[in-house]
Amino acid sequence: MDSRGALLPRGERGEIVVRSSLVTPGYYRNPAATAEASEFGWHHTGDVGYLDDDGFLFIVDRAKDMIITGGFNVYSVEVEQALLAHPGVQDCAVIGRPDDKWGERVEAVVQPKPGHPVEPAALVAFVKARIGSVKAPKIVHVWPDLPRSKVGKVVKPEVKARLASDSRP
């Protein structure tokens, strides 16, 4: 579904929505969240995906992780996969940061593999060669480790908070 509530044709990316008697009727004591999740009469999953020609569903990213830069939708997972293809990158997180010109800019935080120093400019060029300049990070930060949950997943809100606190006007 697009942001205006129109169901999209096969192959086009949009938010994954579902409708079924098995879907929750709402959030407990939270009518605002219920209204948001059930907009246009569908349950909104918060995931972005598409259906292929055979009807298979492919999940692309979380809607909240999508970056809109200069009118282009950039899926953080796609940029992360390009960065992870670099032999010196152990892990990474890609987020959108405010940008006066583009609305948001693509930024990456990279954790290098032990003993493999990485250069931010080289990583930008590496990603540009794979997925293009619009999707390539404008800024790459190199951290020795990324904040993780108890199950080992990178916690992007903590990455965003740390970058925001490190920003200088």
N, C-alpha and C. Protein backbone atom coordinates (compact mmCIF):
# COMPACT_ATOMS: atom_id res chain seq x y z
N MET A 1 0.85 -1.17 0.00
CA MET A 1 0.00 0.00 0.00
C MET A 1 0.89 1.24 0.00
N ASP A 2 0.47 2.23 -0.75
CA ASP A 2 1.22 3.49 -0.71
C ASP A 2 0.72 4.34 0.46
N SER A 3 1.33 5.50 0.65
CA SER A 3 1.00 6.35 1.80
C SER A 3 -0.40 6.96 1.71
N ARG A 4 -1.04 6.89 0.53
CA ARG A 4 -2.39 7.44 0.37
C ARG A 4 -3.47 6.36 0.51
N GLY A 5 -3.05 5.12 0.77
CA GLY A 5 -4.00 4.04 0.97
C GLY A 5 -4.32 3.23 -0.26
N ALA A 6 -3.61 3.46 -1.36
CA ALA A 6 -3.85 2.70 -2.58
C ALA A 6 -3.02 1.42 -2.57
N LEU A 7 -3.66 0.30 -2.91
CA LEU A 7 -2.93 -0.95 -3.04
C LEU A 7 -2.09 -0.89 -4.30
N LEU A 8 -0.87 -1.35 -4.21
CA LEU A 8 0.09 -1.22 -5.31
C LEU A 8 0.13 -2.48 -6.18
N PRO A 9 0.46 -2.31 -7.45
CA PRO A 9 0.58 -3.48 -8.34
C PRO A 9 1.83 -4.30 -7.99
N ARG A 10 1.86 -5.52 -8.48
CA ARG A 10 3.01 -6.40 -8.26
C ARG A 10 4.29 -5.71 -8.71
N GLY A 11 5.33 -5.92 -7.93
CA GLY A 11 6.63 -5.35 -8.26
C GLY A 11 6.90 -4.00 -7.65
N GLU A 12 5.87 -3.27 -7.22
CA GLU A 12 6.07 -1.96 -6.61
C GLU A 12 6.19 -2.09 -5.11
N ARG A 13 7.11 -1.34 -4.53
CA ARG A 13 7.35 -1.39 -3.10
C ARG A 13 6.42 -0.47 -2.35
N GLY A 14 5.91 -0.99 -1.23
CA GLY A 14 5.05 -0.21 -0.36
C GLY A 14 4.95 -0.90 0.99
N GLU A 15 4.17 -0.31 1.88
CA GLU A 15 4.01 -0.91 3.20
C GLU A 15 3.17 -2.18 3.09
N ILE A 16 3.60 -3.20 3.80
CA ILE A 16 2.86 -4.46 3.83
C ILE A 16 1.68 -4.28 4.77
N VAL A 17 0.47 -4.54 4.25
CA VAL A 17 -0.75 -4.45 5.06
C VAL A 17 -1.48 -5.79 4.96
N VAL A 18 -2.23 -6.10 6.01
CA VAL A 18 -2.97 -7.36 6.05
C VAL A 18 -4.38 -7.13 6.58
N ARG A 19 -5.26 -8.06 6.23
CA ARG A 19 -6.63 -8.01 6.73
C ARG A 19 -7.07 -9.46 6.94
N SER A 20 -7.53 -9.79 8.16
CA SER A 20 -7.93 -11.15 8.48
C SER A 20 -8.65 -11.16 9.81
N SER A 21 -9.46 -12.17 10.02
CA SER A 21 -10.11 -12.31 11.33
C SER A 21 -9.09 -12.68 12.41
N LEU A 22 -7.90 -13.07 12.01
CA LEU A 22 -6.86 -13.44 12.97
C LEU A 22 -5.98 -12.26 13.38
N VAL A 23 -6.17 -11.10 12.75
CA VAL A 23 -5.37 -9.92 13.07
C VAL A 23 -5.99 -9.23 14.29
N THR A 24 -5.14 -8.75 15.15
CA THR A 24 -5.61 -8.07 16.36
C THR A 24 -6.59 -6.95 16.02
N PRO A 25 -7.65 -6.79 16.81
CA PRO A 25 -8.57 -5.69 16.57
C PRO A 25 -8.00 -4.34 17.02
N GLY A 26 -6.92 -4.36 17.79
CA GLY A 26 -6.32 -3.10 18.23
C GLY A 26 -5.35 -3.29 19.38
N TYR A 27 -4.79 -2.18 19.79
CA TYR A 27 -3.85 -2.17 20.90
C TYR A 27 -4.57 -1.91 22.21
N TYR A 28 -4.21 -2.64 23.22
CA TYR A 28 -4.84 -2.54 24.53
C TYR A 28 -4.69 -1.14 25.10
N ARG A 29 -5.83 -0.51 25.34
CA ARG A 29 -5.90 0.83 25.96
C ARG A 29 -5.06 1.87 25.22
N ASN A 30 -4.95 1.74 23.91
CA ASN A 30 -4.18 2.70 23.13
C ASN A 30 -4.91 2.97 21.81
N PRO A 31 -5.98 3.78 21.89
CA PRO A 31 -6.78 4.04 20.68
C PRO A 31 -6.01 4.78 19.58
N ALA A 32 -5.03 5.60 19.95
CA ALA A 32 -4.26 6.32 18.92
C ALA A 32 -3.41 5.33 18.11
N ALA A 33 -2.76 4.38 18.78
CA ALA A 33 -1.96 3.38 18.07
C ALA A 33 -2.86 2.47 17.23
N THR A 34 -4.05 2.15 17.75
CA THR A 34 -4.99 1.32 17.01
C THR A 34 -5.42 2.03 15.73
N ALA A 35 -5.75 3.31 15.84
CA ALA A 35 -6.17 4.08 14.66
C ALA A 35 -5.06 4.15 13.62
N GLU A 36 -3.83 4.36 14.08
CA GLU A 36 -2.69 4.44 13.15
C GLU A 36 -2.44 3.10 12.46
N ALA A 37 -2.52 2.02 13.22
CA ALA A 37 -2.23 0.69 12.67
C ALA A 37 -3.34 0.18 11.76
N SER A 38 -4.54 0.74 11.87
CA SER A 38 -5.65 0.24 11.07
C SER A 38 -6.16 1.26 10.05
N GLU A 39 -5.33 2.21 9.70
CA GLU A 39 -5.70 3.23 8.71
C GLU A 39 -6.09 2.58 7.38
N PHE A 40 -7.09 3.11 6.73
CA PHE A 40 -7.61 2.63 5.44
C PHE A 40 -8.23 1.24 5.54
N GLY A 41 -8.53 0.77 6.78
CA GLY A 41 -9.19 -0.52 6.94
C GLY A 41 -8.28 -1.73 6.84
N TRP A 42 -6.99 -1.51 6.86
CA TRP A 42 -6.01 -2.58 6.80
C TRP A 42 -5.10 -2.48 8.03
N HIS A 43 -4.53 -3.60 8.46
CA HIS A 43 -3.55 -3.58 9.55
C HIS A 43 -2.17 -3.31 8.93
N HIS A 44 -1.52 -2.25 9.39
CA HIS A 44 -0.21 -1.84 8.88
C HIS A 44 0.89 -2.53 9.68
N THR A 45 1.76 -3.25 8.99
CA THR A 45 2.81 -4.02 9.67
C THR A 45 4.05 -3.20 10.00
N GLY A 46 4.24 -2.09 9.29
CA GLY A 46 5.47 -1.32 9.47
C GLY A 46 6.61 -1.82 8.61
N ASP A 47 6.35 -2.86 7.80
CA ASP A 47 7.37 -3.40 6.92
C ASP A 47 7.13 -2.92 5.49
N VAL A 48 8.20 -2.77 4.73
CA VAL A 48 8.12 -2.41 3.32
C VAL A 48 8.45 -3.66 2.52
N GLY A 49 7.67 -3.91 1.47
CA GLY A 49 7.91 -5.07 0.65
C GLY A 49 7.23 -4.95 -0.69
N TYR A 50 7.26 -6.06 -1.44
CA TYR A 50 6.59 -6.12 -2.74
C TYR A 50 6.22 -7.56 -3.05
N LEU A 51 5.25 -7.73 -3.93
CA LEU A 51 4.86 -9.04 -4.42
C LEU A 51 5.50 -9.25 -5.79
N ASP A 52 6.06 -10.44 -6.01
CA ASP A 52 6.61 -10.71 -7.34
C ASP A 52 5.49 -11.24 -8.25
N ASP A 53 5.82 -11.56 -9.48
CA ASP A 53 4.82 -12.00 -10.46
C ASP A 53 4.13 -13.31 -10.07
N ASP A 54 4.78 -14.11 -9.22
CA ASP A 54 4.18 -15.37 -8.77
C ASP A 54 3.41 -15.22 -7.46
N GLY A 55 3.33 -13.99 -6.93
CA GLY A 55 2.60 -13.76 -5.69
C GLY A 55 3.41 -13.95 -4.43
N PHE A 56 4.73 -14.15 -4.56
CA PHE A 56 5.57 -14.27 -3.38
C PHE A 56 5.86 -12.89 -2.82
N LEU A 57 5.82 -12.78 -1.49
CA LEU A 57 6.06 -11.51 -0.80
C LEU A 57 7.52 -11.41 -0.40
N PHE A 58 8.15 -10.30 -0.74
CA PHE A 58 9.53 -10.03 -0.36
C PHE A 58 9.54 -8.83 0.57
N ILE A 59 10.12 -9.01 1.74
CA ILE A 59 10.25 -7.92 2.71
C ILE A 59 11.57 -7.21 2.44
N VAL A 60 11.50 -5.90 2.27
CA VAL A 60 12.66 -5.12 1.89
C VAL A 60 13.29 -4.43 3.09
N ASP A 61 12.48 -3.85 3.97
CA ASP A 61 13.00 -3.06 5.08
C ASP A 61 11.86 -2.73 6.02
N ARG A 62 12.18 -2.12 7.13
CA ARG A 62 11.18 -1.55 8.02
C ARG A 62 10.86 -0.16 7.49
N ALA A 63 9.60 0.23 7.53
CA ALA A 63 9.19 1.54 7.01
C ALA A 63 9.91 2.67 7.75
N LYS A 64 10.09 2.50 9.06
CA LYS A 64 10.75 3.56 9.83
C LYS A 64 12.23 3.67 9.50
N ASP A 65 12.82 2.64 8.88
CA ASP A 65 14.24 2.69 8.51
C ASP A 65 14.46 3.20 7.09
N MET A 66 13.38 3.45 6.34
CA MET A 66 13.51 3.97 4.99
C MET A 66 13.95 5.43 5.07
N ILE A 67 14.86 5.80 4.21
CA ILE A 67 15.40 7.16 4.16
C ILE A 67 14.90 7.82 2.89
N ILE A 68 14.33 9.01 3.02
CA ILE A 68 13.87 9.76 1.84
C ILE A 68 14.84 10.91 1.65
N THR A 69 15.64 10.81 0.60
CA THR A 69 16.66 11.81 0.33
C THR A 69 16.47 12.39 -1.06
N GLY A 70 16.19 13.66 -1.13
CA GLY A 70 15.98 14.31 -2.42
C GLY A 70 14.84 13.71 -3.21
N GLY A 71 13.84 13.17 -2.51
CA GLY A 71 12.68 12.57 -3.17
C GLY A 71 12.85 11.11 -3.53
N PHE A 72 14.01 10.52 -3.24
CA PHE A 72 14.26 9.10 -3.52
C PHE A 72 14.12 8.29 -2.24
N ASN A 73 13.50 7.12 -2.35
CA ASN A 73 13.42 6.20 -1.22
C ASN A 73 14.68 5.33 -1.21
N VAL A 74 15.37 5.35 -0.09
CA VAL A 74 16.57 4.54 0.08
C VAL A 74 16.31 3.59 1.24
N TYR A 75 16.45 2.30 0.98
CA TYR A 75 16.22 1.30 2.00
C TYR A 75 17.54 1.01 2.71
N SER A 76 17.56 1.23 4.01
CA SER A 76 18.79 1.07 4.77
C SER A 76 19.40 -0.32 4.62
N VAL A 77 18.56 -1.33 4.54
CA VAL A 77 19.06 -2.70 4.40
C VAL A 77 19.88 -2.86 3.12
N GLU A 78 19.45 -2.24 2.04
CA GLU A 78 20.19 -2.35 0.77
C GLU A 78 21.58 -1.73 0.89
N VAL A 79 21.66 -0.59 1.57
CA VAL A 79 22.95 0.07 1.75
C VAL A 79 23.82 -0.77 2.70
N GLU A 80 23.21 -1.31 3.74
CA GLU A 80 23.95 -2.15 4.68
C GLU A 80 24.52 -3.39 3.98
N GLN A 81 23.74 -3.99 3.11
CA GLN A 81 24.23 -5.17 2.38
C GLN A 81 25.41 -4.82 1.48
N ALA A 82 25.37 -3.64 0.87
CA ALA A 82 26.49 -3.20 0.04
C ALA A 82 27.74 -2.99 0.89
N LEU A 83 27.58 -2.36 2.05
CA LEU A 83 28.72 -2.15 2.94
C LEU A 83 29.29 -3.47 3.46
N LEU A 84 28.41 -4.40 3.80
CA LEU A 84 28.85 -5.69 4.33
C LEU A 84 29.60 -6.53 3.30
N ALA A 85 29.47 -6.18 2.02
CA ALA A 85 30.21 -6.88 0.98
C ALA A 85 31.69 -6.47 0.96
N HIS A 86 32.02 -5.37 1.64
CA HIS A 86 33.41 -4.92 1.71
C HIS A 86 34.19 -5.85 2.64
N PRO A 87 35.38 -6.30 2.23
CA PRO A 87 36.12 -7.26 3.03
C PRO A 87 36.57 -6.76 4.40
N GLY A 88 36.58 -5.45 4.61
CA GLY A 88 37.02 -4.91 5.90
C GLY A 88 35.89 -4.59 6.86
N VAL A 89 34.64 -4.78 6.44
CA VAL A 89 33.50 -4.41 7.29
C VAL A 89 32.94 -5.64 7.99
N GLN A 90 32.90 -5.55 9.31
CA GLN A 90 32.31 -6.64 10.11
C GLN A 90 30.81 -6.44 10.27
N ASP A 91 30.39 -5.19 10.57
CA ASP A 91 28.98 -4.89 10.76
C ASP A 91 28.76 -3.41 10.51
N CYS A 92 27.50 -3.03 10.35
CA CYS A 92 27.21 -1.64 10.08
C CYS A 92 25.76 -1.31 10.41
N ALA A 93 25.47 -0.03 10.47
CA ALA A 93 24.10 0.47 10.61
C ALA A 93 23.97 1.68 9.70
N VAL A 94 22.90 1.74 8.94
CA VAL A 94 22.65 2.86 8.04
C VAL A 94 21.37 3.55 8.50
N ILE A 95 21.45 4.87 8.62
CA ILE A 95 20.31 5.65 9.11
C ILE A 95 20.17 6.92 8.28
N GLY A 96 19.03 7.56 8.40
CA GLY A 96 18.80 8.86 7.79
C GLY A 96 19.03 9.94 8.83
N ARG A 97 19.73 10.98 8.43
CA ARG A 97 19.97 12.12 9.31
C ARG A 97 19.43 13.36 8.62
N PRO A 98 18.97 14.35 9.38
CA PRO A 98 18.43 15.58 8.77
C PRO A 98 19.46 16.27 7.87
N ASP A 99 18.96 16.79 6.75
CA ASP A 99 19.82 17.49 5.81
C ASP A 99 19.04 18.67 5.24
N ASP A 100 19.64 19.86 5.31
CA ASP A 100 18.96 21.07 4.84
C ASP A 100 18.62 21.03 3.36
N LYS A 101 19.47 20.43 2.54
CA LYS A 101 19.25 20.42 1.10
C LYS A 101 18.36 19.26 0.66
N TRP A 102 18.61 18.04 1.19
CA TRP A 102 17.96 16.83 0.69
C TRP A 102 16.82 16.32 1.58
N GLY A 103 16.58 16.95 2.70
CA GLY A 103 15.57 16.47 3.65
C GLY A 103 16.19 15.49 4.63
N GLU A 104 16.76 14.41 4.09
CA GLU A 104 17.53 13.46 4.87
C GLU A 104 18.76 13.08 4.05
N ARG A 105 19.80 12.69 4.75
CA ARG A 105 20.99 12.16 4.06
C ARG A 105 21.27 10.77 4.62
N VAL A 106 21.87 9.96 3.80
CA VAL A 106 22.24 8.60 4.18
C VAL A 106 23.57 8.67 4.93
N GLU A 107 23.58 8.14 6.16
CA GLU A 107 24.82 8.05 6.94
C GLU A 107 24.99 6.61 7.38
N ALA A 108 26.24 6.22 7.51
CA ALA A 108 26.54 4.85 7.93
C ALA A 108 27.51 4.88 9.10
N VAL A 109 27.34 3.91 9.98
CA VAL A 109 28.30 3.65 11.03
C VAL A 109 28.82 2.24 10.78
N VAL A 110 30.13 2.13 10.68
CA VAL A 110 30.76 0.87 10.31
C VAL A 110 31.65 0.38 11.44
N GLN A 111 31.56 -0.91 11.70
CA GLN A 111 32.47 -1.59 12.63
C GLN A 111 33.42 -2.41 11.77
N PRO A 112 34.71 -2.06 11.75
CA PRO A 112 35.63 -2.82 10.90
C PRO A 112 35.97 -4.19 11.52
N LYS A 113 36.38 -5.10 10.65
CA LYS A 113 36.88 -6.39 11.13
C LYS A 113 38.19 -6.13 11.86
N PRO A 114 38.47 -6.90 12.91
CA PRO A 114 39.74 -6.71 13.61
C PRO A 114 40.93 -6.82 12.65
N GLY A 115 41.83 -5.85 12.75
CA GLY A 115 43.02 -5.85 11.91
C GLY A 115 42.79 -5.36 10.49
N HIS A 116 41.59 -4.85 10.19
CA HIS A 116 41.27 -4.35 8.85
C HIS A 116 40.81 -2.89 8.94
N PRO A 117 41.75 -1.95 8.97
CA PRO A 117 41.32 -0.55 9.01
C PRO A 117 40.57 -0.20 7.72
N VAL A 118 39.56 0.63 7.86
CA VAL A 118 38.77 1.05 6.69
C VAL A 118 38.78 2.57 6.60
N GLU A 119 38.76 3.05 5.39
CA GLU A 119 38.71 4.49 5.13
C GLU A 119 37.30 4.88 4.71
N PRO A 120 36.69 5.86 5.39
CA PRO A 120 35.32 6.25 5.03
C PRO A 120 35.13 6.59 3.56
N ALA A 121 36.06 7.34 2.96
CA ALA A 121 35.91 7.73 1.55
C ALA A 121 35.95 6.50 0.64
N ALA A 122 36.77 5.52 0.98
CA ALA A 122 36.84 4.29 0.18
C ALA A 122 35.55 3.49 0.30
N LEU A 123 34.93 3.50 1.48
CA LEU A 123 33.66 2.80 1.66
C LEU A 123 32.54 3.47 0.87
N VAL A 124 32.53 4.79 0.84
CA VAL A 124 31.53 5.52 0.03
C VAL A 124 31.69 5.14 -1.43
N ALA A 125 32.91 5.15 -1.93
CA ALA A 125 33.16 4.78 -3.33
C ALA A 125 32.76 3.33 -3.60
N PHE A 126 33.02 2.44 -2.65
CA PHE A 126 32.67 1.03 -2.78
C PHE A 126 31.16 0.86 -2.95
N VAL A 127 30.39 1.58 -2.12
CA VAL A 127 28.93 1.49 -2.20
C VAL A 127 28.41 2.14 -3.48
N LYS A 128 28.95 3.29 -3.85
CA LYS A 128 28.54 3.96 -5.10
C LYS A 128 28.68 3.04 -6.29
N ALA A 129 29.78 2.29 -6.33
CA ALA A 129 30.03 1.39 -7.46
C ALA A 129 29.00 0.25 -7.51
N ARG A 130 28.43 -0.10 -6.38
CA ARG A 130 27.49 -1.21 -6.32
C ARG A 130 26.03 -0.80 -6.49
N ILE A 131 25.64 0.30 -5.84
CA ILE A 131 24.21 0.65 -5.86
C ILE A 131 23.93 2.09 -6.27
N GLY A 132 24.95 2.87 -6.60
CA GLY A 132 24.74 4.22 -7.11
C GLY A 132 24.95 5.30 -6.06
N SER A 133 25.13 6.51 -6.53
CA SER A 133 25.47 7.62 -5.65
C SER A 133 24.31 8.09 -4.78
N VAL A 134 23.07 7.97 -5.25
CA VAL A 134 21.92 8.41 -4.44
C VAL A 134 21.83 7.60 -3.16
N LYS A 135 22.10 6.30 -3.27
CA LYS A 135 21.97 5.40 -2.12
C LYS A 135 23.23 5.32 -1.27
N ALA A 136 24.34 5.77 -1.79
CA ALA A 136 25.60 5.70 -1.05
C ALA A 136 25.58 6.65 0.14
N PRO A 137 26.20 6.26 1.25
CA PRO A 137 26.25 7.16 2.40
C PRO A 137 27.01 8.44 2.05
N LYS A 138 26.52 9.53 2.57
CA LYS A 138 27.22 10.81 2.39
C LYS A 138 28.31 10.94 3.43
N ILE A 139 28.10 10.29 4.58
CA ILE A 139 29.07 10.31 5.68
C ILE A 139 29.18 8.88 6.22
N VAL A 140 30.40 8.44 6.48
CA VAL A 140 30.65 7.14 7.11
C VAL A 140 31.42 7.39 8.40
N HIS A 141 30.89 6.87 9.49
CA HIS A 141 31.56 6.93 10.78
C HIS A 141 32.13 5.54 11.06
N VAL A 142 33.31 5.48 11.63
CA VAL A 142 33.91 4.20 11.98
C VAL A 142 33.96 4.11 13.50
N TRP A 143 33.27 3.10 14.04
CA TRP A 143 33.24 2.85 15.48
C TRP A 143 33.83 1.47 15.75
N PRO A 144 34.48 1.31 16.89
CA PRO A 144 35.03 -0.01 17.21
C PRO A 144 33.96 -1.07 17.48
N ASP A 145 32.77 -0.62 17.89
CA ASP A 145 31.66 -1.54 18.14
C ASP A 145 30.35 -0.79 17.99
N LEU A 146 29.29 -1.51 17.72
CA LEU A 146 27.96 -0.92 17.57
C LEU A 146 27.11 -1.32 18.78
N PRO A 147 26.17 -0.44 19.19
CA PRO A 147 25.29 -0.81 20.30
C PRO A 147 24.38 -1.97 19.89
N ARG A 148 24.25 -2.94 20.78
CA ARG A 148 23.49 -4.14 20.46
C ARG A 148 22.48 -4.47 21.56
N SER A 149 21.41 -5.15 21.12
CA SER A 149 20.41 -5.65 22.06
C SER A 149 20.94 -6.91 22.73
N LYS A 150 20.17 -7.46 23.64
CA LYS A 150 20.58 -8.69 24.33
C LYS A 150 20.72 -9.87 23.39
N VAL A 151 20.02 -9.82 22.25
CA VAL A 151 20.13 -10.91 21.28
C VAL A 151 21.15 -10.61 20.18
N GLY A 152 21.88 -9.51 20.30
CA GLY A 152 22.96 -9.20 19.37
C GLY A 152 22.62 -8.33 18.19
N LYS A 153 21.34 -7.88 18.09
CA LYS A 153 20.96 -7.00 16.97
C LYS A 153 21.45 -5.58 17.23
N VAL A 154 21.85 -4.90 16.16
CA VAL A 154 22.24 -3.49 16.28
C VAL A 154 21.00 -2.68 16.64
N VAL A 155 21.16 -1.78 17.61
CA VAL A 155 20.05 -0.95 18.08
C VAL A 155 20.17 0.42 17.41
N LYS A 156 19.44 0.58 16.31
CA LYS A 156 19.55 1.81 15.52
C LYS A 156 19.14 3.07 16.29
N PRO A 157 18.11 3.03 17.15
CA PRO A 157 17.81 4.25 17.90
C PRO A 157 19.00 4.73 18.76
N GLU A 158 19.78 3.81 19.28
CA GLU A 158 20.97 4.20 20.05
C GLU A 158 22.04 4.78 19.13
N VAL A 159 22.17 4.24 17.93
CA VAL A 159 23.12 4.79 16.95
C VAL A 159 22.71 6.23 16.63
N LYS A 160 21.41 6.44 16.34
CA LYS A 160 20.92 7.79 16.03
C LYS A 160 21.15 8.75 17.18
N ALA A 161 20.86 8.30 18.40
CA ALA A 161 21.03 9.15 19.57
C ALA A 161 22.49 9.55 19.76
N ARG A 162 23.39 8.59 19.59
CA ARG A 162 24.80 8.90 19.76
C ARG A 162 25.27 9.88 18.68
N LEU A 163 24.85 9.67 17.44
CA LEU A 163 25.24 10.60 16.37
C LEU A 163 24.68 11.99 16.63
N ALA A 164 23.44 12.05 17.11
CA ALA A 164 22.84 13.36 17.40
C ALA A 164 23.58 14.08 18.52
N SER A 165 24.01 13.34 19.52
CA SER A 165 24.73 13.97 20.64
C SER A 165 26.15 14.36 20.25
N ASP A 166 26.72 13.68 19.25
CA ASP A 166 28.06 14.01 18.78
C ASP A 166 28.07 15.17 17.79
N SER A 167 26.87 15.53 17.27
CA SER A 167 26.79 16.59 16.25
C SER A 167 27.16 17.93 16.82
N ARG A 168 27.80 18.70 16.01
CA ARG A 168 28.15 20.07 16.39
C ARG A 168 27.46 21.01 15.41
N PRO A 169 26.88 22.10 15.95
CA PRO A 169 26.19 23.03 15.04
C PRO A 169 27.12 23.71 14.05
